[in-house]
């Protein structure tokens, strides 16, 4: 914990500083949500196809990124809101403007009580 997933349009691959974003996001999660640095794990998942409204997907005029952070229960709504706002600010700084409109979103969810993990 935390379990972080970043889904994003593959067309923004060259514009997205994923390593820098992950580092900054881990630091923010430690500071804001009291996570341990070694517990922060982020999985980036590029989407092979992005459709936006009625736009021809071949135009690549829009890119989408959505960040989901799963935390153990117990964080206040204020903490979650602060972290999601920080995620959006970090995305602004780690996705270069490359000729597409960026649609970014983030959410914090509580991990289910059944959550378990192991490290090897």
Foldseek 3Di string as FASTA:
>chain_A
DWEKEKEKAVVQVVQFPVVVLQVVLLVLCCVLVVDDSVVRDYDYHHDDFDDDDPDDRVVQQEMEMEMEIEDAPDDDPVSFVVSFVVSVVSRVVGGDDDRHHYHYGYGYDYDDPVDDDDDD
